[in-house]
N, C-alpha and C. Protein backbone atom coordinates (compact mmCIF):
# COMPACT_ATOMS: atom_id res chain seq x y z
N UNK A 1 -10.26 20.41 5.58
CA UNK A 1 -9.04 19.58 5.63
C UNK A 1 -9.23 18.45 4.58
N UNK A 2 -8.21 18.24 3.81
CA UNK A 2 -8.36 17.18 2.81
C UNK A 2 -7.97 15.82 3.35
N UNK A 3 -8.67 14.77 2.92
CA UNK A 3 -8.42 13.47 3.39
C UNK A 3 -7.16 12.85 2.68
N UNK A 4 -6.37 12.05 3.39
CA UNK A 4 -5.20 11.45 2.79
C UNK A 4 -5.53 10.60 1.59
N UNK A 5 -4.72 10.66 0.52
CA UNK A 5 -4.92 9.90 -0.71
C UNK A 5 -4.09 8.61 -0.62
N UNK A 6 -4.78 7.52 -0.71
CA UNK A 6 -4.10 6.21 -0.56
C UNK A 6 -4.18 5.43 -1.87
N UNK A 7 -3.08 4.95 -2.30
CA UNK A 7 -2.96 4.05 -3.43
C UNK A 7 -2.97 2.60 -2.93
N UNK A 8 -3.80 1.77 -3.49
CA UNK A 8 -3.90 0.37 -3.14
C UNK A 8 -3.26 -0.43 -4.23
N UNK A 9 -2.17 -1.15 -3.90
CA UNK A 9 -1.46 -2.02 -4.86
C UNK A 9 -1.74 -3.46 -4.37
N UNK A 10 -2.71 -4.10 -5.05
CA UNK A 10 -3.13 -5.42 -4.66
C UNK A 10 -3.69 -6.15 -5.88
N UNK A 11 -3.23 -7.37 -6.11
CA UNK A 11 -3.61 -8.10 -7.27
C UNK A 11 -4.92 -8.89 -7.10
N UNK A 12 -5.35 -9.11 -5.91
CA UNK A 12 -6.62 -9.85 -5.68
C UNK A 12 -7.78 -8.82 -5.63
N UNK A 13 -8.64 -8.87 -6.68
CA UNK A 13 -9.68 -7.87 -6.81
C UNK A 13 -10.59 -7.76 -5.60
N UNK A 14 -10.95 -8.86 -5.04
CA UNK A 14 -11.87 -8.88 -3.85
C UNK A 14 -11.20 -8.20 -2.66
N UNK A 15 -9.94 -8.48 -2.45
CA UNK A 15 -9.20 -7.81 -1.36
C UNK A 15 -9.12 -6.35 -1.61
N UNK A 16 -8.84 -5.94 -2.84
CA UNK A 16 -8.71 -4.51 -3.16
C UNK A 16 -10.05 -3.81 -2.87
N UNK A 17 -11.13 -4.48 -3.25
CA UNK A 17 -12.47 -3.88 -3.07
C UNK A 17 -12.74 -3.71 -1.55
N UNK A 18 -12.43 -4.71 -0.77
CA UNK A 18 -12.67 -4.62 0.67
C UNK A 18 -11.77 -3.49 1.28
N UNK A 19 -10.55 -3.41 0.81
CA UNK A 19 -9.66 -2.30 1.28
C UNK A 19 -10.24 -0.93 0.91
N UNK A 20 -10.75 -0.79 -0.31
CA UNK A 20 -11.37 0.45 -0.74
C UNK A 20 -12.47 0.86 0.19
N UNK A 21 -13.35 -0.10 0.51
CA UNK A 21 -14.48 0.23 1.37
C UNK A 21 -14.06 0.61 2.77
N UNK A 22 -13.10 -0.16 3.35
CA UNK A 22 -12.66 0.08 4.69
C UNK A 22 -11.97 1.48 4.78
N UNK A 23 -11.16 1.77 3.78
CA UNK A 23 -10.42 3.06 3.81
C UNK A 23 -11.39 4.26 3.59
N UNK A 24 -12.29 4.06 2.73
CA UNK A 24 -13.29 5.14 2.47
C UNK A 24 -14.12 5.40 3.72
N UNK A 25 -14.57 4.30 4.37
CA UNK A 25 -15.31 4.44 5.63
C UNK A 25 -14.50 5.14 6.69
N UNK A 26 -13.19 4.96 6.69
CA UNK A 26 -12.32 5.56 7.68
C UNK A 26 -11.89 6.99 7.33
N UNK A 27 -12.40 7.52 6.17
CA UNK A 27 -12.14 8.91 5.87
C UNK A 27 -10.99 9.10 4.90
N UNK A 28 -10.44 8.08 4.33
CA UNK A 28 -9.39 8.22 3.36
C UNK A 28 -9.97 8.42 1.95
N UNK A 29 -9.19 9.00 1.06
CA UNK A 29 -9.55 9.03 -0.35
C UNK A 29 -8.73 8.01 -1.10
N UNK A 30 -9.38 7.24 -2.00
CA UNK A 30 -8.70 6.27 -2.76
C UNK A 30 -8.10 6.94 -4.00
N UNK A 31 -6.78 6.98 -4.07
CA UNK A 31 -6.08 7.62 -5.19
C UNK A 31 -6.03 6.72 -6.39
N UNK A 32 -6.25 5.42 -6.18
CA UNK A 32 -6.23 4.45 -7.28
C UNK A 32 -6.02 3.06 -6.74
N UNK A 33 -6.23 2.11 -7.64
CA UNK A 33 -6.00 0.72 -7.32
C UNK A 33 -5.19 0.12 -8.50
N UNK A 34 -4.09 -0.52 -8.17
CA UNK A 34 -3.21 -1.12 -9.19
C UNK A 34 -3.04 -2.59 -8.83
N UNK A 35 -3.35 -3.48 -9.82
CA UNK A 35 -3.24 -4.87 -9.60
C UNK A 35 -1.94 -5.51 -10.17
N UNK A 36 -1.20 -4.74 -10.90
CA UNK A 36 -0.01 -5.22 -11.55
C UNK A 36 1.15 -4.21 -11.33
N UNK A 37 2.34 -4.71 -11.46
CA UNK A 37 3.52 -3.87 -11.20
C UNK A 37 3.57 -2.60 -12.13
N UNK A 38 3.32 -2.83 -13.42
CA UNK A 38 3.39 -1.67 -14.35
C UNK A 38 2.41 -0.63 -14.00
N UNK A 39 1.17 -1.00 -13.63
CA UNK A 39 0.17 -0.03 -13.20
C UNK A 39 0.55 0.69 -11.89
N UNK A 40 1.14 -0.11 -10.98
CA UNK A 40 1.61 0.55 -9.72
C UNK A 40 2.69 1.54 -9.97
N UNK A 41 3.68 1.21 -10.82
CA UNK A 41 4.75 2.15 -11.10
C UNK A 41 4.21 3.41 -11.82
N UNK A 42 3.23 3.25 -12.69
CA UNK A 42 2.67 4.38 -13.36
C UNK A 42 1.91 5.29 -12.38
N UNK A 43 1.20 4.72 -11.43
CA UNK A 43 0.47 5.46 -10.43
C UNK A 43 1.44 6.18 -9.53
N UNK A 44 2.51 5.53 -9.16
CA UNK A 44 3.52 6.16 -8.26
C UNK A 44 4.16 7.35 -9.00
N UNK A 45 4.50 7.18 -10.25
CA UNK A 45 5.11 8.22 -11.04
C UNK A 45 4.17 9.40 -11.24
N UNK A 46 2.86 9.10 -11.25
CA UNK A 46 1.88 10.17 -11.45
C UNK A 46 1.67 11.06 -10.23
N UNK A 47 2.24 10.63 -9.10
CA UNK A 47 2.10 11.43 -7.87
C UNK A 47 0.68 11.46 -7.33
N UNK A 48 0.38 12.51 -6.60
CA UNK A 48 -0.97 12.73 -6.01
C UNK A 48 -1.34 11.61 -5.06
N UNK A 49 -0.41 11.02 -4.35
CA UNK A 49 -0.69 10.00 -3.36
C UNK A 49 0.10 10.38 -2.09
N UNK A 50 -0.53 10.07 -0.96
CA UNK A 50 0.10 10.34 0.36
C UNK A 50 0.68 9.12 1.00
N UNK A 51 0.10 7.95 0.71
CA UNK A 51 0.62 6.70 1.26
C UNK A 51 0.11 5.54 0.39
N UNK A 52 0.72 4.35 0.55
CA UNK A 52 0.40 3.23 -0.30
C UNK A 52 0.29 1.98 0.55
N UNK A 53 -0.70 1.17 0.22
CA UNK A 53 -0.81 -0.20 0.73
C UNK A 53 -0.26 -1.07 -0.37
N UNK A 54 0.81 -1.80 -0.07
CA UNK A 54 1.56 -2.51 -1.12
C UNK A 54 1.65 -4.02 -0.83
N UNK A 55 1.02 -4.82 -1.71
CA UNK A 55 1.14 -6.23 -1.67
C UNK A 55 2.59 -6.57 -2.18
N UNK A 56 3.24 -7.44 -1.48
CA UNK A 56 4.65 -7.80 -1.83
C UNK A 56 4.79 -8.59 -3.14
N UNK A 57 3.70 -9.30 -3.48
CA UNK A 57 3.73 -10.18 -4.67
C UNK A 57 2.53 -9.87 -5.53
N UNK A 58 2.74 -9.43 -6.72
CA UNK A 58 1.65 -9.07 -7.60
C UNK A 58 1.58 -10.09 -8.78
N UNK A 59 0.68 -11.04 -8.68
CA UNK A 59 0.51 -12.10 -9.65
C UNK A 59 1.81 -12.80 -9.98
N UNK A 60 2.59 -13.15 -8.95
CA UNK A 60 3.83 -13.83 -9.14
C UNK A 60 5.05 -12.96 -9.41
N UNK A 61 4.85 -11.65 -9.40
CA UNK A 61 5.95 -10.72 -9.65
C UNK A 61 6.18 -9.89 -8.38
N UNK A 62 7.44 -9.77 -8.04
CA UNK A 62 7.79 -9.01 -6.79
C UNK A 62 7.40 -7.51 -6.98
N UNK A 63 6.83 -6.93 -5.99
CA UNK A 63 6.54 -5.49 -6.01
C UNK A 63 7.75 -4.67 -5.51
N UNK A 64 8.91 -5.30 -5.41
CA UNK A 64 10.15 -4.62 -5.02
C UNK A 64 10.39 -3.33 -5.76
N UNK A 65 10.24 -3.33 -7.12
CA UNK A 65 10.48 -2.08 -7.83
C UNK A 65 9.54 -0.97 -7.40
N UNK A 66 8.36 -1.26 -7.05
CA UNK A 66 7.40 -0.29 -6.51
C UNK A 66 7.85 0.22 -5.17
N UNK A 67 8.35 -0.67 -4.33
CA UNK A 67 8.86 -0.22 -3.03
C UNK A 67 10.04 0.75 -3.21
N UNK A 68 10.91 0.37 -4.15
CA UNK A 68 12.05 1.29 -4.42
C UNK A 68 11.61 2.66 -4.93
N UNK A 69 10.60 2.66 -5.81
CA UNK A 69 10.11 3.92 -6.37
C UNK A 69 9.44 4.76 -5.28
N UNK A 70 8.74 4.12 -4.40
CA UNK A 70 8.10 4.84 -3.26
C UNK A 70 9.19 5.40 -2.33
N UNK A 71 10.15 4.63 -2.05
CA UNK A 71 11.27 5.08 -1.18
C UNK A 71 11.99 6.28 -1.79
N UNK A 72 12.26 6.20 -3.06
CA UNK A 72 12.92 7.28 -3.79
C UNK A 72 12.11 8.59 -3.77
N UNK A 73 10.83 8.44 -3.77
CA UNK A 73 9.95 9.63 -3.78
C UNK A 73 9.53 10.09 -2.37
N UNK A 74 9.94 9.34 -1.34
CA UNK A 74 9.60 9.70 0.02
C UNK A 74 8.12 9.45 0.37
N UNK A 75 7.53 8.49 -0.32
CA UNK A 75 6.09 8.22 -0.08
C UNK A 75 6.03 6.99 0.82
N UNK A 76 5.39 7.14 2.00
CA UNK A 76 5.33 6.06 2.94
C UNK A 76 4.39 4.93 2.41
N UNK A 77 4.74 3.72 2.87
CA UNK A 77 3.93 2.55 2.47
C UNK A 77 3.95 1.49 3.52
N UNK A 78 2.89 0.70 3.53
CA UNK A 78 2.81 -0.43 4.37
C UNK A 78 2.68 -1.66 3.52
N UNK A 79 3.41 -2.71 3.84
CA UNK A 79 3.40 -3.94 3.07
C UNK A 79 2.33 -4.84 3.72
N UNK A 80 1.40 -5.29 2.95
CA UNK A 80 0.39 -6.27 3.36
C UNK A 80 0.56 -7.52 2.49
N UNK A 81 1.01 -8.58 3.17
CA UNK A 81 1.40 -9.73 2.39
C UNK A 81 1.17 -11.01 3.11
N UNK A 82 1.01 -12.09 2.34
CA UNK A 82 0.97 -13.43 2.90
C UNK A 82 2.31 -13.91 3.35
N UNK A 83 3.33 -13.24 2.95
CA UNK A 83 4.73 -13.61 3.31
C UNK A 83 5.11 -12.91 4.62
N UNK A 84 5.92 -13.54 5.41
CA UNK A 84 6.40 -12.96 6.63
C UNK A 84 7.48 -11.89 6.23
N UNK A 85 7.79 -10.94 7.09
CA UNK A 85 8.84 -9.97 6.74
C UNK A 85 10.20 -10.66 6.42
N UNK A 86 10.48 -11.78 7.03
CA UNK A 86 11.71 -12.48 6.77
C UNK A 86 11.75 -13.10 5.37
N UNK A 87 10.62 -13.36 4.78
CA UNK A 87 10.52 -13.96 3.49
C UNK A 87 10.50 -12.93 2.35
N UNK A 88 10.43 -11.65 2.68
CA UNK A 88 10.26 -10.60 1.70
C UNK A 88 11.63 -10.10 1.22
N UNK A 89 11.59 -9.53 0.00
CA UNK A 89 12.78 -8.95 -0.60
C UNK A 89 13.26 -7.74 0.29
N UNK A 90 14.56 -7.44 0.16
CA UNK A 90 15.12 -6.36 0.96
C UNK A 90 14.61 -5.00 0.62
N UNK A 91 13.90 -4.85 -0.55
CA UNK A 91 13.37 -3.57 -0.88
C UNK A 91 12.21 -3.14 0.06
N UNK A 92 11.67 -4.09 0.76
CA UNK A 92 10.58 -3.83 1.71
C UNK A 92 11.08 -3.55 3.13
N UNK A 93 12.37 -3.76 3.33
CA UNK A 93 12.93 -3.58 4.70
C UNK A 93 12.65 -2.14 5.20
N UNK A 94 12.29 -2.08 6.46
CA UNK A 94 12.06 -0.80 7.06
C UNK A 94 10.59 -0.31 7.02
N UNK A 95 9.81 -0.93 6.11
CA UNK A 95 8.40 -0.54 6.01
C UNK A 95 7.61 -1.40 6.98
N UNK A 96 6.54 -0.85 7.54
CA UNK A 96 5.67 -1.68 8.36
C UNK A 96 5.10 -2.76 7.54
N UNK A 97 4.88 -3.94 8.17
CA UNK A 97 4.38 -5.09 7.44
C UNK A 97 3.27 -5.71 8.22
N UNK A 98 2.16 -5.96 7.57
CA UNK A 98 1.03 -6.68 8.16
C UNK A 98 0.83 -7.99 7.38
N UNK A 99 0.59 -9.05 8.10
CA UNK A 99 0.40 -10.36 7.53
C UNK A 99 -1.05 -10.46 7.11
N UNK A 100 -1.27 -11.02 5.88
CA UNK A 100 -2.63 -11.31 5.39
C UNK A 100 -3.10 -12.58 6.05
N UNK A 101 -4.33 -12.63 6.43
CA UNK A 101 -5.32 -11.55 6.46
C UNK A 101 -5.06 -10.69 7.67
N UNK A 102 -5.28 -9.37 7.50
CA UNK A 102 -5.06 -8.48 8.61
C UNK A 102 -6.38 -7.80 8.95
N UNK A 103 -6.48 -7.34 10.18
CA UNK A 103 -7.67 -6.64 10.60
C UNK A 103 -7.72 -5.24 9.99
N UNK A 104 -8.81 -4.80 9.49
CA UNK A 104 -8.88 -3.47 8.91
C UNK A 104 -8.47 -2.35 9.84
N UNK A 105 -8.90 -2.49 11.14
CA UNK A 105 -8.54 -1.45 12.10
C UNK A 105 -6.99 -1.37 12.30
N UNK A 106 -6.35 -2.52 12.21
CA UNK A 106 -4.84 -2.53 12.38
C UNK A 106 -4.22 -1.82 11.14
N UNK A 107 -4.72 -2.09 9.97
CA UNK A 107 -4.20 -1.42 8.78
C UNK A 107 -4.42 0.06 8.83
N UNK A 108 -5.62 0.50 9.23
CA UNK A 108 -5.88 1.93 9.30
C UNK A 108 -5.02 2.60 10.33
N UNK A 109 -4.77 1.92 11.47
CA UNK A 109 -3.86 2.47 12.47
C UNK A 109 -2.46 2.63 11.94
N UNK A 110 -1.98 1.68 11.19
CA UNK A 110 -0.64 1.81 10.63
C UNK A 110 -0.60 2.95 9.59
N UNK A 111 -1.56 3.00 8.72
CA UNK A 111 -1.62 4.09 7.76
C UNK A 111 -1.59 5.48 8.41
N UNK A 112 -2.40 5.63 9.41
CA UNK A 112 -2.46 6.92 10.14
C UNK A 112 -1.11 7.24 10.74
N UNK A 113 -0.40 6.20 11.20
CA UNK A 113 0.92 6.40 11.78
C UNK A 113 2.00 6.82 10.78
N UNK A 114 1.71 6.48 9.47
CA UNK A 114 2.65 6.81 8.38
C UNK A 114 2.52 8.27 7.94
N UNK A 115 1.33 8.81 8.18
CA UNK A 115 0.99 10.11 7.65
C UNK A 115 1.27 11.21 8.69
N UNK A 116 1.57 12.43 8.22
CA UNK A 116 1.81 13.51 9.16
C UNK A 116 0.51 13.84 9.88
N UNK A 117 0.59 14.31 11.16
CA UNK A 117 -0.60 14.64 11.86
C UNK A 117 -1.38 15.80 11.18
N UNK A 118 -2.63 15.78 11.35
CA UNK A 118 -3.37 16.93 10.83
C UNK A 118 -4.62 16.50 10.20
């Protein structure tokens, strides 16, 4: 059985590294890490991802276009942000949202809930 491929979209390098370690330890495959919107959009367009961890703000730029691209492709995502859901752009509406800092086990639980069983 193949492990789910997760794209991490996070502009803080240390947070991205911690996420990579946690996800790998939990049995996920890291499909890539994108710290900027253009890199995120390129990774999303490239496919080969099962779910995404999406920071709502990438170095002062809204990740809303990435959320729209994911929604258009039917790729599930979880928003991990310092902003509350009420403070986020409407492109993130409907996606699960975890407030930074979040517990790794909570993030892994949400990711597993986004993916089909198996």
